Structure formats: C-alpha cells, structure tokens
C-alpha atoms as a PDB file:
ATOM      1  CA  MET A   1     -31.433   9.861 -22.900  1.00  0.00           C
ATOM      2  CA  ASN A   2     -32.600   7.690 -20.096  1.00  0.00           C
ATOM      3  CA  LEU A   3     -29.260   6.710 -18.340  1.00  0.00           C
ATOM      4  CA  ARG A   4     -29.121   4.748 -15.407  1.00  0.00           C
ATOM      5  CA  CYS A   5     -25.877   3.819 -13.428  1.00  0.00           C
ATOM      6  CA  ASP A   6     -24.918   2.747 -10.068  1.00  0.00           C
ATOM      7  CA  VAL A   7     -22.341   5.396  -9.161  1.00  0.00           C
ATOM      8  CA  ALA A   8     -21.690   9.400 -10.753  1.00  0.00           C
ATOM      9  CA  VAL A   9     -18.002  10.206  -9.925  1.00  0.00           C
ATOM     10  CA  LEU A  10     -18.182  14.179 -10.130  1.00  0.00           C
ATOM     11  CA  GLY A  11     -14.560  15.462 -11.096  1.00  0.00           C
ATOM     12  CA  ALA A  12     -12.404  14.091 -13.712  1.00  0.00           C
ATOM     13  CA  GLY A  13      -8.937  14.495 -12.419  1.00  0.00           C
ATOM     14  CA  SER A  14      -6.693  12.190 -11.438  1.00  0.00           C
ATOM     15  CA  TRP A  15      -8.432  11.116  -8.235  1.00  0.00           C
ATOM     16  CA  GLY A  16     -11.834  11.121  -9.554  1.00  0.00           C
ATOM     17  CA  THR A  17     -10.893   9.161 -12.496  1.00  0.00           C
ATOM     18  CA  ALA A  18      -8.996   6.687 -10.249  1.00  0.00           C
ATOM     19  CA  LEU A  19     -12.056   6.163  -8.179  1.00  0.00           C
ATOM     20  CA  ALA A  20     -14.166   5.464 -11.295  1.00  0.00           C
ATOM     21  CA  ILE A  21     -12.063   3.090 -12.864  1.00  0.00           C
ATOM     22  CA  SER A  22     -11.841   1.310  -9.483  1.00  0.00           C
ATOM     23  CA  LEU A  23     -15.931   1.343  -8.994  1.00  0.00           C
ATOM     24  CA  ALA A  24     -16.541   0.359 -12.590  1.00  0.00           C
ATOM     25  CA  ARG A  25     -13.829  -2.571 -11.935  1.00  0.00           C
ATOM     26  CA  ASN A  26     -15.937  -3.431  -9.106  1.00  0.00           C
ATOM     27  CA  GLY A  27     -18.793  -3.990 -11.357  1.00  0.00           C
ATOM     28  CA  HIS A  28     -20.628  -0.832 -10.679  1.00  0.00           C
ATOM     29  CA  GLU A  29     -22.176   0.972 -13.922  1.00  0.00           C
ATOM     30  CA  THR A  30     -20.317   4.409 -13.194  1.00  0.00           C
ATOM     31  CA  LEU A  31     -20.592   7.598 -14.932  1.00  0.00           C
ATOM     32  CA  LEU A  32     -17.439  10.227 -15.068  1.00  0.00           C
ATOM     33  CA  TRP A  33     -18.311  13.993 -15.241  1.00  0.00           C
ATOM     34  CA  GLY A  34     -16.165  16.768 -15.222  1.00  0.00           C
ATOM     35  CA  ARG A  35     -16.159  20.572 -16.045  1.00  0.00           C
ATOM     36  CA  ASP A  36     -14.265  20.266 -19.144  1.00  0.00           C
ATOM     37  CA  GLU A  37     -16.304  19.067 -21.874  1.00  0.00           C
ATOM     38  CA  ALA A  38     -13.676  19.275 -24.740  1.00  0.00           C
ATOM     39  CA  MET A  39     -11.333  17.156 -21.959  1.00  0.00           C
ATOM     40  CA  LEU A  40     -14.057  14.661 -21.507  1.00  0.00           C
ATOM     41  CA  ALA A  41     -14.957  14.496 -25.306  1.00  0.00           C
ATOM     42  CA  ALA A  42     -11.273  13.218 -25.534  1.00  0.00           C
ATOM     43  CA  ILE A  43     -11.463  10.721 -22.747  1.00  0.00           C
ATOM     44  CA  ALA A  44     -14.523   9.308 -24.391  1.00  0.00           C
ATOM     45  CA  ARG A  45     -12.603   8.999 -27.740  1.00  0.00           C
ATOM     46  CA  ARG A  46      -9.407   7.572 -26.627  1.00  0.00           C
ATOM     47  CA  GLY A  47     -10.563   5.287 -23.640  1.00  0.00           C
ATOM     48  CA  SER A  48      -8.593   6.821 -21.369  1.00  0.00           C
ATOM     49  CA  ASN A  49      -7.659  10.238 -19.472  1.00  0.00           C
ATOM     50  CA  GLU A  50      -4.487  11.106 -21.300  1.00  0.00           C
ATOM     51  CA  GLN A  51      -4.054  14.460 -19.174  1.00  0.00           C
ATOM     52  CA  TYR A  52      -4.376  12.736 -15.844  1.00  0.00           C
ATOM     53  CA  LEU A  53      -3.562   9.460 -16.129  1.00  0.00           C
ATOM     54  CA  PRO A  54      -1.962   8.460 -19.341  1.00  0.00           C
ATOM     55  CA  GLY A  55      -1.853   4.759 -20.528  1.00  0.00           C
ATOM     56  CA  GLN A  56      -4.726   3.785 -18.205  1.00  0.00           C
ATOM     57  CA  ARG A  57      -7.560   2.335 -20.101  1.00  0.00           C
ATOM     58  CA  LEU A  58     -10.952   2.997 -18.697  1.00  0.00           C
ATOM     59  CA  PRO A  59     -13.356  -0.048 -17.916  1.00  0.00           C
ATOM     60  CA  ASP A  60     -16.231  -0.860 -20.164  1.00  0.00           C
ATOM     61  CA  ARG A  61     -18.745  -0.201 -17.035  1.00  0.00           C
ATOM     62  CA  LEU A  62     -17.386   3.536 -16.924  1.00  0.00           C
ATOM     63  CA  ALA A  63     -18.894   5.933 -19.059  1.00  0.00           C
ATOM     64  CA  ILE A  64     -18.586   9.636 -19.768  1.00  0.00           C
ATOM     65  CA  GLU A  65     -21.262  11.994 -19.159  1.00  0.00           C
ATOM     66  CA  PRO A  66     -20.618  15.737 -20.004  1.00  0.00           C
ATOM     67  CA  VAL A  67     -23.746  17.261 -18.341  1.00  0.00           C
ATOM     68  CA  LEU A  68     -24.128  17.522 -14.536  1.00  0.00           C
ATOM     69  CA  SER A  69     -27.606  17.217 -14.164  1.00  0.00           C
ATOM     70  CA  ARG A  70     -27.894  13.613 -16.103  1.00  0.00           C
ATOM     71  CA  ALA A  71     -24.991  12.322 -14.569  1.00  0.00           C
ATOM     72  CA  VAL A  72     -26.505  13.151 -11.037  1.00  0.00           C
ATOM     73  CA  ASP A  73     -30.129  12.026 -12.105  1.00  0.00           C
ATOM     74  CA  ALA A  74     -28.876   8.568 -13.608  1.00  0.00           C
ATOM     75  CA  ALA A  75     -26.856   7.548 -10.329  1.00  0.00           C
ATOM     76  CA  GLY A  76     -27.800   6.026  -7.552  1.00  0.00           C
ATOM     77  CA  ALA A  77     -25.143   7.965  -5.507  1.00  0.00           C
ATOM     78  CA  CYS A  78     -22.474  10.097  -6.010  1.00  0.00           C
ATOM     79  CA  LEU A  79     -19.109  10.936  -5.136  1.00  0.00           C
ATOM     80  CA  ILE A  80     -17.477  13.994  -5.095  1.00  0.00           C
ATOM     81  CA  ALA A  81     -13.991  14.409  -6.482  1.00  0.00           C
ATOM     82  CA  VAL A  82     -13.080  18.237  -6.995  1.00  0.00           C
ATOM     83  CA  PRO A  83     -10.488  20.627  -5.436  1.00  0.00           C
ATOM     84  CA  SER A  84     -11.569  21.978  -1.947  1.00  0.00           C
ATOM     85  CA  HIS A  85     -12.212  25.445  -3.838  1.00  0.00           C
ATOM     86  CA  ALA A  86     -14.743  24.032  -5.661  1.00  0.00           C
ATOM     87  CA  PHE A  87     -16.551  21.712  -3.337  1.00  0.00           C
ATOM     88  CA  GLY A  88     -19.079  24.370  -1.916  1.00  0.00           C
ATOM     89  CA  GLU A  89     -20.574  25.386  -5.658  1.00  0.00           C
ATOM     90  CA  MET A  90     -20.322  21.616  -6.460  1.00  0.00           C
ATOM     91  CA  VAL A  91     -22.594  20.870  -3.044  1.00  0.00           C
ATOM     92  CA  ALA A  92     -25.075  23.787  -3.678  1.00  0.00           C
ATOM     93  CA  ALA A  93     -25.634  22.382  -6.920  1.00  0.00           C
ATOM     94  CA  LEU A  94     -26.485  18.972  -5.990  1.00  0.00           C
ATOM     95  CA  ALA A  95     -28.962  20.432  -3.485  1.00  0.00           C
ATOM     96  CA  SER A  96     -30.641  22.459  -5.945  1.00  0.00           C
ATOM     97  CA  MET A  97     -31.576  19.370  -7.883  1.00  0.00           C
ATOM     98  CA  PRO A  98     -34.661  17.563  -7.656  1.00  0.00           C
ATOM     99  CA  ALA A  99     -33.914  14.307  -6.839  1.00  0.00           C
ATOM    100  CA  GLY A 100     -33.435  13.632  -3.425  1.00  0.00           C
ATOM    101  CA  ARG A 101     -29.819  12.604  -2.125  1.00  0.00           C
ATOM    102  CA  PRO A 102     -29.083   9.121  -0.612  1.00  0.00           C
ATOM    103  CA  GLY A 103     -26.042  10.636   1.193  1.00  0.00           C
ATOM    104  CA  LEU A 104     -23.180  12.502  -0.216  1.00  0.00           C
ATOM    105  CA  LEU A 105     -19.385  11.204  -0.109  1.00  0.00           C
ATOM    106  CA  TRP A 106     -16.373  13.180  -1.091  1.00  0.00           C
ATOM    107  CA  ALA A 107     -12.788  12.517  -1.836  1.00  0.00           C
ATOM    108  CA  THR A 108     -11.963  16.054  -1.435  1.00  0.00           C
ATOM    109  CA  LYS A 109      -9.076  17.020   0.700  1.00  0.00           C
ATOM    110  CA  GLY A 110      -8.713  20.716   2.044  1.00  0.00           C
ATOM    111  CA  LEU A 111     -10.888  23.087   3.976  1.00  0.00           C
ATOM    112  CA  ASP A 112     -13.340  25.422   2.282  1.00  0.00           C
ATOM    113  CA  PRO A 113     -11.374  28.504   1.247  1.00  0.00           C
ATOM    114  CA  SER A 114     -14.019  31.293   1.785  1.00  0.00           C
ATOM    115  CA  SER A 115     -14.708  30.702   5.500  1.00  0.00           C
ATOM    116  CA  GLY A 116     -11.668  28.298   6.453  1.00  0.00           C
ATOM    117  CA  ARG A 117     -14.596  25.581   7.307  1.00  0.00           C
ATOM    118  CA  LEU A 118     -14.345  21.778   7.392  1.00  0.00           C
ATOM    119  CA  LEU A 119     -15.964  20.459   4.382  1.00  0.00           C
ATOM    120  CA  HIS A 120     -18.863  18.323   6.189  1.00  0.00           C
ATOM    121  CA  GLU A 121     -19.913  21.655   7.953  1.00  0.00           C
ATOM    122  CA  VAL A 122     -20.334  23.248   4.443  1.00  0.00           C
ATOM    123  CA  ALA A 123     -22.371  20.175   3.242  1.00  0.00           C
ATOM    124  CA  ALA A 124     -24.354  19.919   6.270  1.00  0.00           C
ATOM    125  CA  GLU A 125     -25.415  23.965   5.778  1.00  0.00           C
ATOM    126  CA  LEU A 126     -26.142  23.269   2.161  1.00  0.00           C
ATOM    127  CA  MET A 127     -27.838  19.798   2.114  1.00  0.00           C
ATOM    128  CA  PRO A 128     -31.212  18.869   3.571  1.00  0.00           C
ATOM    129  CA  PRO A 129     -31.249  18.097   7.486  1.00  0.00           C
ATOM    130  CA  GLY A 130     -30.372  14.503   8.104  1.00  0.00           C
ATOM    131  CA  VAL A 131     -28.620  13.609   4.644  1.00  0.00           C
ATOM    132  CA  PRO A 132     -25.405  11.406   5.410  1.00  0.00           C
ATOM    133  CA  LEU A 133     -22.333  12.878   5.108  1.00  0.00           C
ATOM    134  CA  GLY A 134     -19.068  11.187   4.674  1.00  0.00           C
ATOM    135  CA  VAL A 135     -15.412  11.517   3.475  1.00  0.00           C
ATOM    136  CA  LEU A 136     -12.761   9.103   1.733  1.00  0.00           C
ATOM    137  CA  SER A 137      -9.364   9.913   2.691  1.00  0.00           C
ATOM    138  CA  GLY A 138      -5.523   8.399   3.461  1.00  0.00           C
ATOM    139  CA  PRO A 139      -2.089   7.566   1.633  1.00  0.00           C
ATOM    140  CA  THR A 140      -3.548   7.518  -2.192  1.00  0.00           C
ATOM    141  CA  PHE A 141      -1.567   8.248  -5.692  1.00  0.00           C
ATOM    142  CA  ALA A 142      -4.122   8.012  -8.242  1.00  0.00           C
ATOM    143  CA  ARG A 143      -2.167   6.666 -10.562  1.00  0.00           C
ATOM    144  CA  GLU A 144      -1.276   3.737  -8.041  1.00  0.00           C
ATOM    145  CA  VAL A 145      -4.915   2.961  -7.411  1.00  0.00           C
ATOM    146  CA  ALA A 146      -5.790   3.014 -11.049  1.00  0.00           C
ATOM    147  CA  ARG A 147      -3.224   0.516 -11.552  1.00  0.00           C
ATOM    148  CA  ARG A 148      -4.324  -1.411  -8.613  1.00  0.00           C
ATOM    149  CA  LEU A 149      -1.524  -1.523  -6.409  1.00  0.00           C
ATOM    150  CA  PRO A 150      -2.135  -2.278  -2.748  1.00  0.00           C
ATOM    151  CA  THR A 151      -3.813   0.527  -1.333  1.00  0.00           C
ATOM    152  CA  ALA A 152      -5.588   1.356   2.313  1.00  0.00           C
ATOM    153  CA  VAL A 153      -7.813   4.296   3.189  1.00  0.00           C
ATOM    154  CA  THR A 154     -10.228   5.818   5.700  1.00  0.00           C
ATOM    155  CA  LEU A 155     -14.098   6.521   5.138  1.00  0.00           C
ATOM    156  CA  ALA A 156     -15.702   8.496   7.738  1.00  0.00           C
ATOM    157  CA  ALA A 157     -19.067   9.439   7.515  1.00  0.00           C
ATOM    158  CA  THR A 158     -22.070  10.600   9.825  1.00  0.00           C
ATOM    159  CA  ASP A 159     -24.097   7.708   9.469  1.00  0.00           C
ATOM    160  CA  ALA A 160     -22.522   3.883  10.091  1.00  0.00           C
ATOM    161  CA  GLY A 161     -24.747   2.305   7.404  1.00  0.00           C
ATOM    162  CA  PHE A 162     -23.538   4.658   4.789  1.00  0.00           C
ATOM    163  CA  ALA A 163     -20.167   4.319   5.613  1.00  0.00           C
ATOM    164  CA  ARG A 164     -20.647   0.324   5.370  1.00  0.00           C
ATOM    165  CA  GLU A 165     -22.597   0.723   2.125  1.00  0.00           C
ATOM    166  CA  TRP A 166     -19.841   3.026   0.489  1.00  0.00           C
ATOM    167  CA  ALA A 167     -16.736   0.561   1.698  1.00  0.00           C
ATOM    168  CA  ALA A 168     -18.476  -2.390   0.189  1.00  0.00           C
ATOM    169  CA  ARG A 169     -18.746  -0.213  -3.295  1.00  0.00           C
ATOM    170  CA  LEU A 170     -15.437   0.665  -3.065  1.00  0.00           C
ATOM    171  CA  ALA A 171     -13.359  -2.450  -1.377  1.00  0.00           C
ATOM    172  CA  SER A 172     -11.834  -4.821  -3.887  1.00  0.00           C
ATOM    173  CA  SER A 173      -8.982  -7.266  -3.182  1.00  0.00           C
ATOM    174  CA  ARG A 174      -6.456  -4.379  -3.886  1.00  0.00           C
ATOM    175  CA  LEU A 175      -8.376  -1.781  -1.918  1.00  0.00           C
ATOM    176  CA  ARG A 176      -8.831  -1.994   1.733  1.00  0.00           C
ATOM    177  CA  VAL A 177     -11.402   0.055   3.209  1.00  0.00           C
ATOM    178  CA  TYR A 178     -11.695   1.378   6.994  1.00  0.00           C
ATOM    179  CA  THR A 179     -14.486   2.984   8.215  1.00  0.00           C
ATOM    180  CA  SER A 180     -14.777   5.860  11.065  1.00  0.00           C
ATOM    181  CA  ASP A 181     -17.048   8.416  12.504  1.00  0.00           C
ATOM    182  CA  ASP A 182     -14.236  11.036  13.077  1.00  0.00           C
ATOM    183  CA  LEU A 183     -15.200  13.147  10.345  1.00  0.00           C
ATOM    184  CA  ALA A 184     -13.208  16.137  11.930  1.00  0.00           C
ATOM    185  CA  GLY A 185     -10.132  14.383  12.495  1.00  0.00           C
ATOM    186  CA  VAL A 186      -9.595  12.949   9.080  1.00  0.00           C
ATOM    187  CA  GLN A 187     -10.649  16.065   7.174  1.00  0.00           C
ATOM    188  CA  ILE A 188      -8.296  18.016   9.527  1.00  0.00           C
ATOM    189  CA  ALA A 189      -5.388  15.438   8.718  1.00  0.00           C
ATOM    190  CA  GLY A 190      -6.014  15.270   4.863  1.00  0.00           C
ATOM    191  CA  ALA A 191      -5.918  19.414   4.923  1.00  0.00           C
ATOM    192  CA  VAL A 192      -2.557  19.675   7.236  1.00  0.00           C
ATOM    193  CA  LYS A 193      -0.602  17.147   5.333  1.00  0.00           C
ATOM    194  CA  ASN A 194      -0.739  18.965   2.187  1.00  0.00           C
ATOM    195  CA  VAL A 195       0.679  21.714   4.031  1.00  0.00           C
ATOM    196  CA  LEU A 196       3.668  19.544   5.758  1.00  0.00           C
ATOM    197  CA  ALA A 197       4.405  18.356   2.157  1.00  0.00           C
ATOM    198  CA  ILE A 198       5.413  21.293   0.941  1.00  0.00           C
ATOM    199  CA  ALA A 199       7.578  21.754   4.257  1.00  0.00           C
ATOM    200  CA  ALA A 200       9.141  18.314   3.215  1.00  0.00           C
ATOM    201  CA  GLY A 201       9.919  19.469  -0.459  1.00  0.00           C
ATOM    202  CA  ILE A 202      11.251  22.524   0.725  1.00  0.00           C
ATOM    203  CA  ALA A 203      13.619  20.663   3.362  1.00  0.00           C
ATOM    204  CA  ASP A 204      14.710  17.609   0.546  1.00  0.00           C
ATOM    205  CA  GLY A 205      15.190  20.813  -2.075  1.00  0.00           C
ATOM    206  CA  LEU A 206      17.828  22.321   0.319  1.00  0.00           C
ATOM    207  CA  GLY A 207      19.593  19.436   0.884  1.00  0.00           C
ATOM    208  CA  PHE A 208      19.061  18.547   4.304  1.00  0.00           C
ATOM    209  CA  GLY A 209      18.675  15.093   4.689  1.00  0.00           C
ATOM    210  CA  ALA A 210      16.988  12.168   6.100  1.00  0.00           C
ATOM    211  CA  ASN A 211      16.913  13.475   9.624  1.00  0.00           C
ATOM    212  CA  THR A 212      15.843  16.512   8.748  1.00  0.00           C
ATOM    213  CA  ARG A 213      12.905  14.998   6.747  1.00  0.00           C
ATOM    214  CA  ALA A 214      11.853  12.475   9.799  1.00  0.00           C
ATOM    215  CA  ALA A 215      12.050  15.409  12.467  1.00  0.00           C
ATOM    216  CA  LEU A 216       9.801  17.379  10.112  1.00  0.00           C
ATOM    217  CA  ILE A 217       7.511  14.322   9.822  1.00  0.00           C
ATOM    218  CA  ALA A 218       7.267  13.625  13.410  1.00  0.00           C
ATOM    219  CA  ARG A 219       6.824  17.491  14.576  1.00  0.00           C
ATOM    220  CA  GLY A 220       4.226  18.018  11.532  1.00  0.00           C
ATOM    221  CA  LEU A 221       2.561  14.889  12.730  1.00  0.00           C
ATOM    222  CA  SER A 222       2.336  16.505  16.644  1.00  0.00           C
ATOM    223  CA  GLU A 223       0.977  20.149  15.016  1.00  0.00           C
ATOM    224  CA  MET A 224      -1.615  18.195  13.053  1.00  0.00           C
ATOM    225  CA  ALA A 225      -2.578  16.206  16.132  1.00  0.00           C
ATOM    226  CA  ARG A 226      -2.867  19.465  18.278  1.00  0.00           C
ATOM    227  CA  LEU A 227      -5.151  21.300  16.058  1.00  0.00           C
ATOM    228  CA  GLY A 228      -7.314  17.957  15.024  1.00  0.00           C
ATOM    229  CA  GLU A 229      -7.850  17.498  18.558  1.00  0.00           C
ATOM    230  CA  ALA A 230      -8.839  20.950  19.447  1.00  0.00           C
ATOM    231  CA  ALA A 231     -11.343  20.759  16.728  1.00  0.00           C
ATOM    232  CA  GLY A 232     -12.939  17.757  17.904  1.00  0.00           C
ATOM    233  CA  GLY A 233     -10.990  15.024  16.017  1.00  0.00           C
ATOM    234  CA  ARG A 234      -9.618  11.976  17.846  1.00  0.00           C
ATOM    235  CA  ALA A 235      -5.938  11.047  18.838  1.00  0.00           C
ATOM    236  CA  ALA A 236      -6.338   7.823  17.469  1.00  0.00           C
ATOM    237  CA  THR A 237      -7.002   9.302  14.018  1.00  0.00           C
ATOM    238  CA  PHE A 238      -3.997  10.832  13.514  1.00  0.00           C
ATOM    239  CA  MET A 239      -1.929   7.907  13.937  1.00  0.00           C
ATOM    240  CA  GLY A 240      -3.978   6.362  11.631  1.00  0.00           C
ATOM    241  CA  LEU A 241      -4.305   5.764   7.939  1.00  0.00           C
ATOM    242  CA  ALA A 242      -5.637   9.199   7.384  1.00  0.00           C
ATOM    243  CA  GLY A 243      -2.980  11.438   9.364  1.00  0.00           C
ATOM    244  CA  LEU A 244       0.428   9.765   9.600  1.00  0.00           C
ATOM    245  CA  GLY A 245      -0.297   7.251   6.843  1.00  0.00           C
ATOM    246  CA  ASP A 246      -1.157   9.915   4.286  1.00  0.00           C
ATOM    247  CA  LEU A 247       1.558  12.461   5.754  1.00  0.00           C
ATOM    248  CA  VAL A 248       4.240  10.075   5.223  1.00  0.00           C
ATOM    249  CA  LEU A 249       3.134   9.291   1.460  1.00  0.00           C
ATOM    250  CA  THR A 250       3.067  12.891   0.762  1.00  0.00           C
ATOM    251  CA  CYS A 251       5.954  13.768   2.481  1.00  0.00           C
ATOM    252  CA  THR A 252       8.382  11.052   0.883  1.00  0.00           C
ATOM    253  CA  ASP A 253       7.370  10.730  -2.584  1.00  0.00           C
ATOM    254  CA  ASP A 254       7.573  12.917  -5.684  1.00  0.00           C
ATOM    255  CA  GLN A 255       4.046  12.074  -6.736  1.00  0.00           C
ATOM    256  CA  SER A 256       2.900  14.384  -4.524  1.00  0.00           C
ATOM    257  CA  ARG A 257       1.945  17.677  -6.350  1.00  0.00           C
ATOM    258  CA  ASN A 258       2.760  19.244  -2.656  1.00  0.00           C
ATOM    259  CA  ARG A 259       5.820  18.346  -2.182  1.00  0.00           C
ATOM    260  CA  ARG A 260       7.391  19.345  -5.733  1.00  0.00           C
ATOM    261  CA  PHE A 261       5.753  22.328  -5.030  1.00  0.00           C
ATOM    262  CA  GLY A 262       7.827  22.658  -1.993  1.00  0.00           C
ATOM    263  CA  LEU A 263      11.187  21.513  -4.086  1.00  0.00           C
ATOM    264  CA  ALA A 264      10.575  24.133  -6.616  1.00  0.00           C
ATOM    265  CA  LEU A 265      10.158  26.700  -3.757  1.00  0.00           C
ATOM    266  CA  ALA A 266      13.452  25.477  -2.546  1.00  0.00           C
ATOM    267  CA  ARG A 267      15.121  26.029  -6.001  1.00  0.00           C
ATOM    268  CA  GLY A 268      14.277  29.729  -5.761  1.00  0.00           C
ATOM    269  CA  ILE A 269      11.503  29.725  -7.861  1.00  0.00           C
ATOM    270  CA  SER A 270       8.246  32.051  -7.183  1.00  0.00           C
ATOM    271  CA  PRO A 271       5.289  30.514  -5.763  1.00  0.00           C
ATOM    272  CA  ALA A 272       3.416  31.313  -9.002  1.00  0.00           C
ATOM    273  CA  GLU A 273       5.908  29.795 -11.076  1.00  0.00           C
ATOM    274  CA  ALA A 274       6.475  26.631  -8.841  1.00  0.00           C
ATOM    275  CA  ALA A 275       2.569  26.119  -8.933  1.00  0.00           C
ATOM    276  CA  ALA A 276       2.760  26.450 -12.874  1.00  0.00           C
ATOM    277  CA  GLY A 277       5.011  24.146 -13.139  1.00  0.00           C
ATOM    278  CA  VAL A 278       3.062  21.569 -11.128  1.00  0.00           C
ATOM    279  CA  GLY A 279       0.391  21.657 -13.649  1.00  0.00           C
ATOM    280  CA  GLN A 280      -2.665  20.851 -11.298  1.00  0.00           C
ATOM    281  CA  VAL A 281      -4.120  22.577  -7.771  1.00  0.00           C
ATOM    282  CA  VAL A 282      -1.699  22.300  -5.196  1.00  0.00           C
ATOM    283  CA  GLU A 283      -4.124  22.096  -2.337  1.00  0.00           C
ATOM    284  CA  GLY A 284      -1.551  22.899   0.419  1.00  0.00           C
ATOM    285  CA  VAL A 285      -1.042  26.666  -0.814  1.00  0.00           C
ATOM    286  CA  GLU A 286      -4.123  27.971  -0.134  1.00  0.00           C
ATOM    287  CA  THR A 287      -4.904  25.460   2.645  1.00  0.00           C
ATOM    288  CA  SER A 288      -1.884  26.635   4.885  1.00  0.00           C
ATOM    289  CA  THR A 289      -3.840  30.049   5.183  1.00  0.00           C
ATOM    290  CA  GLN A 290      -7.036  28.280   6.355  1.00  0.00           C
ATOM    291  CA  VAL A 291      -4.839  25.969   8.453  1.00  0.00           C
ATOM    292  CA  MET A 292      -3.276  28.998  10.300  1.00  0.00           C
ATOM    293  CA  SER A 293      -6.732  30.722  10.459  1.00  0.00           C
ATOM    294  CA  LEU A 294      -7.794  27.475  12.493  1.00  0.00           C
ATOM    295  CA  ALA A 295      -5.054  27.465  14.722  1.00  0.00           C
ATOM    296  CA  ARG A 296      -5.308  31.072  15.902  1.00  0.00           C
ATOM    297  CA  ARG A 297      -9.215  30.003  16.404  1.00  0.00           C
ATOM    298  CA  TYR A 298      -8.128  27.427  18.843  1.00  0.00           C
ATOM    299  CA  GLY A 299      -5.132  28.886  20.048  1.00  0.00           C
ATOM    300  CA  VAL A 300      -3.273  26.207  18.706  1.00  0.00           C
ATOM    301  CA  GLU A 301       0.927  26.798  18.003  1.00  0.00           C
ATOM    302  CA  MET A 302       1.644  25.093  14.220  1.00  0.00           C
ATOM    303  CA  PRO A 303       5.350  26.456  13.611  1.00  0.00           C
ATOM    304  CA  ILE A 304       6.032  24.160  10.802  1.00  0.00           C
ATOM    305  CA  CYS A 305       2.636  25.471   8.997  1.00  0.00           C
ATOM    306  CA  GLU A 306       3.255  29.304   9.920  1.00  0.00           C
ATOM    307  CA  GLN A 307       6.235  28.989   8.266  1.00  0.00           C
ATOM    308  CA  VAL A 308       5.014  27.314   5.203  1.00  0.00           C
ATOM    309  CA  ARG A 309       2.170  30.284   4.661  1.00  0.00           C
ATOM    310  CA  ALA A 310       4.833  32.745   5.115  1.00  0.00           C
ATOM    311  CA  VAL A 311       6.852  31.122   2.082  1.00  0.00           C
ATOM    312  CA  VAL A 312       3.882  30.575  -0.249  1.00  0.00           C
ATOM    313  CA  THR A 313       2.449  34.019   0.309  1.00  0.00           C
ATOM    314  CA  GLY A 314       5.818  35.683  -0.549  1.00  0.00           C
ATOM    315  CA  ALA A 315       6.844  36.867   2.919  1.00  0.00           C
ATOM    316  CA  TRP A 316       9.876  34.868   3.656  1.00  0.00           C
ATOM    317  CA  SER A 317      12.334  33.069   1.298  1.00  0.00           C
ATOM    318  CA  ALA A 318      12.755  29.074   1.932  1.00  0.00           C
ATOM    319  CA  GLY A 319      16.022  30.063   3.434  1.00  0.00           C
ATOM    320  CA  GLU A 320      14.321  32.425   6.059  1.00  0.00           C
ATOM    321  CA  ALA A 321      11.932  30.362   6.937  1.00  0.00           C
ATOM    322  CA  VAL A 322      14.135  27.605   7.609  1.00  0.00           C
ATOM    323  CA  GLU A 323      16.262  30.210   9.726  1.00  0.00           C
ATOM    324  CA  THR A 324      13.230  31.258  11.840  1.00  0.00           C
ATOM    325  CA  LEU A 325      12.274  27.806  12.610  1.00  0.00           C
ATOM    326  CA  LEU A 326      15.690  26.989  13.679  1.00  0.00           C
ATOM    327  CA  ALA A 327      15.962  30.263  15.818  1.00  0.00           C
ATOM    328  CA  ARG A 328      12.911  29.149  17.926  1.00  0.00           C
ATOM    329  CA  GLU A 329      13.463  28.555  21.607  1.00  0.00           C
ATOM    330  CA  ALA A 330      15.191  24.990  22.135  1.00  0.00           C
ATOM    331  CA  ALA A 331      15.068  22.607  24.817  1.00  0.00           C
ATOM    332  CA  ARG A 332      11.089  22.507  25.206  1.00  0.00           C
ATOM    333  CA  PRO A 333       9.190  19.333  26.720  1.00  0.00           C
ATOM    334  CA  GLU A 334       8.094  17.284  23.360  1.00  0.00           C
ATOM    335  CA  ARG A 335       4.411  17.328  23.035  1.00  0.00           C
END
C-alpha cells in the first residue's frame, strides 16, 4: 500500500481523535493510529470513535491506519497524543524508523514516569540532534474540540518556524493557536493542573463549596508557578492558557477525568476503584508522585500537591488530607 497523507496522529483516544478530526476538517489528509487494532477496526467500520467520542462522525479526509510504521512513513508530519506513560516508548519507536523526522509535536500532558523528567527532555535524548520539538497544551476538552466549540490553545516549540507551521495546520475559525518558546513552563503547567484537579474534585465532593474551590485554584496556581519558574519556565506562562486557563477548566468541569477521580475519592472509594470508575487514564495519579519529586529537587513547597499524593497513594484519607492542609501555619505572606 502506497499511502500519502499530510499528518499522522498517533494515539486514538479522545484527544488524539479530536485533533485528527480537527486537522481533517482543515483540509489535511490525516491518518489516525492507535494500539488497539480491534478498536481501530470498529472506528473504521462505524465512521466514529464510539468508545471515546460517541456520535462524532469522522471527516472524509480522516483515515484509520493500524500499522504504526505505515502511518509514520506516509505522513509529512506526526502528532503524538498518547498518555505520558507511553510517550518515551512512542518517541523511541519513531526515532528508530529510517525516515527522517521533520520535527515532533505532542499533545501529551504529564511527566515521564520512569524519570520524572519533562517530556521534551526525553524527546531530545531519543531524537537526532536539532530535530524541532513542540508541545500543544491549554484548556481543551476533546469532545468540545470535536464539536467545533470555540477553543484556544498554546503551542510551545524549540523552533519558531516549526511552531508557526503547526499553528497554521491546526488553526481554524473555532480553534485559535498561540505560540510560545517556553516548553518547560507549558509542560509543568499541563502536569501540575491534573494533580490540582484531583484536589478540586475532593474538595467539591466533600461539600466544601465555592469559596474553597476558588481558594484552591488560586493557591494551586501559586504552587504551579513556583515549581515552573524553578524549572526554568516564565511567570507569564502560568497566567495564560496553558497555566490558569487549563487549571480553571479541569478544576471546575466534570468532563475532567482528574476532577471526577477526586469526586470519587471524596465518597470514600479507594483510589483503584475510583480510577476504574473513570474508565480512562487519570494522569494526575502518577503525575502527583513525579511533581513532588521535582518539588524536592528544586526545593519548592507544594502543600496541596503533597496532600493529593498522600491520598492517591493511600497514605491519607481525603478527610485527613484536608485537615492536614487546614492545620498548616496561618497568617503567612501570600506568595
């Protein structure tokens, strides 16, 4: 088979499928690849991804490809949309393929679980020197992007031309793309917000109300910015789409898997049962451990994230974590 396409989206979950739909609607011949061949066959047969985006028809320019090497060989560009625990393996697979990569963009949020490193550090180690790298992030629920509801995102890349090229592919009248060169800040924001969304779910599940939620978001943003700036990110990033925008989204809407997970924990359900009930990867669970490892490395205090980690690892109940937070030293200067 002699395939040719503009873009291959690698990862057929909700976010990968939504991005593939968006690219195809923009007129790009697009391939969608995923690990589950049976699911891909069902998508091709039905013309929709009923597991992750039920009822959302795939555009004519979007085709399904079950063989990774064929998808990559056929594509002019690749967009990775796999969970963070599969990111390193995916990049290693791409790096081993004979075709040169014009650059690598991913829409994965989180940290490398084996090392706690930022994903661009993993990619830079695995890919040939000088290959442009970029990350797509911001306040995005896949279902809303697939439905063409107005959305804005941040695309941070090591190369300005690469960022502009991908922004042109993705942008439409309903999807606005802002570019940045702050890979560290954008990735820290995308990782930490998942942990904080679990905290927001716990707080709301315990019935603490709007005051608590607002305070948690504000103080959580402060934790995110402290860690991000220590890791080399810029303060402005955390006040933008990738920081505050994504944090508010995931802390306040039940489309967020991490928030729903937190709501379940507040009902006394075990972390394992809560994750099973969500039915998809809850990135904030593993990320909470990686975030606290980074916090220790940089000497950054992150009390909310610390208590989330205690709850998801079973060290504390949700109620005990709240009491621990409330018992902290009071009347400190806000920073």
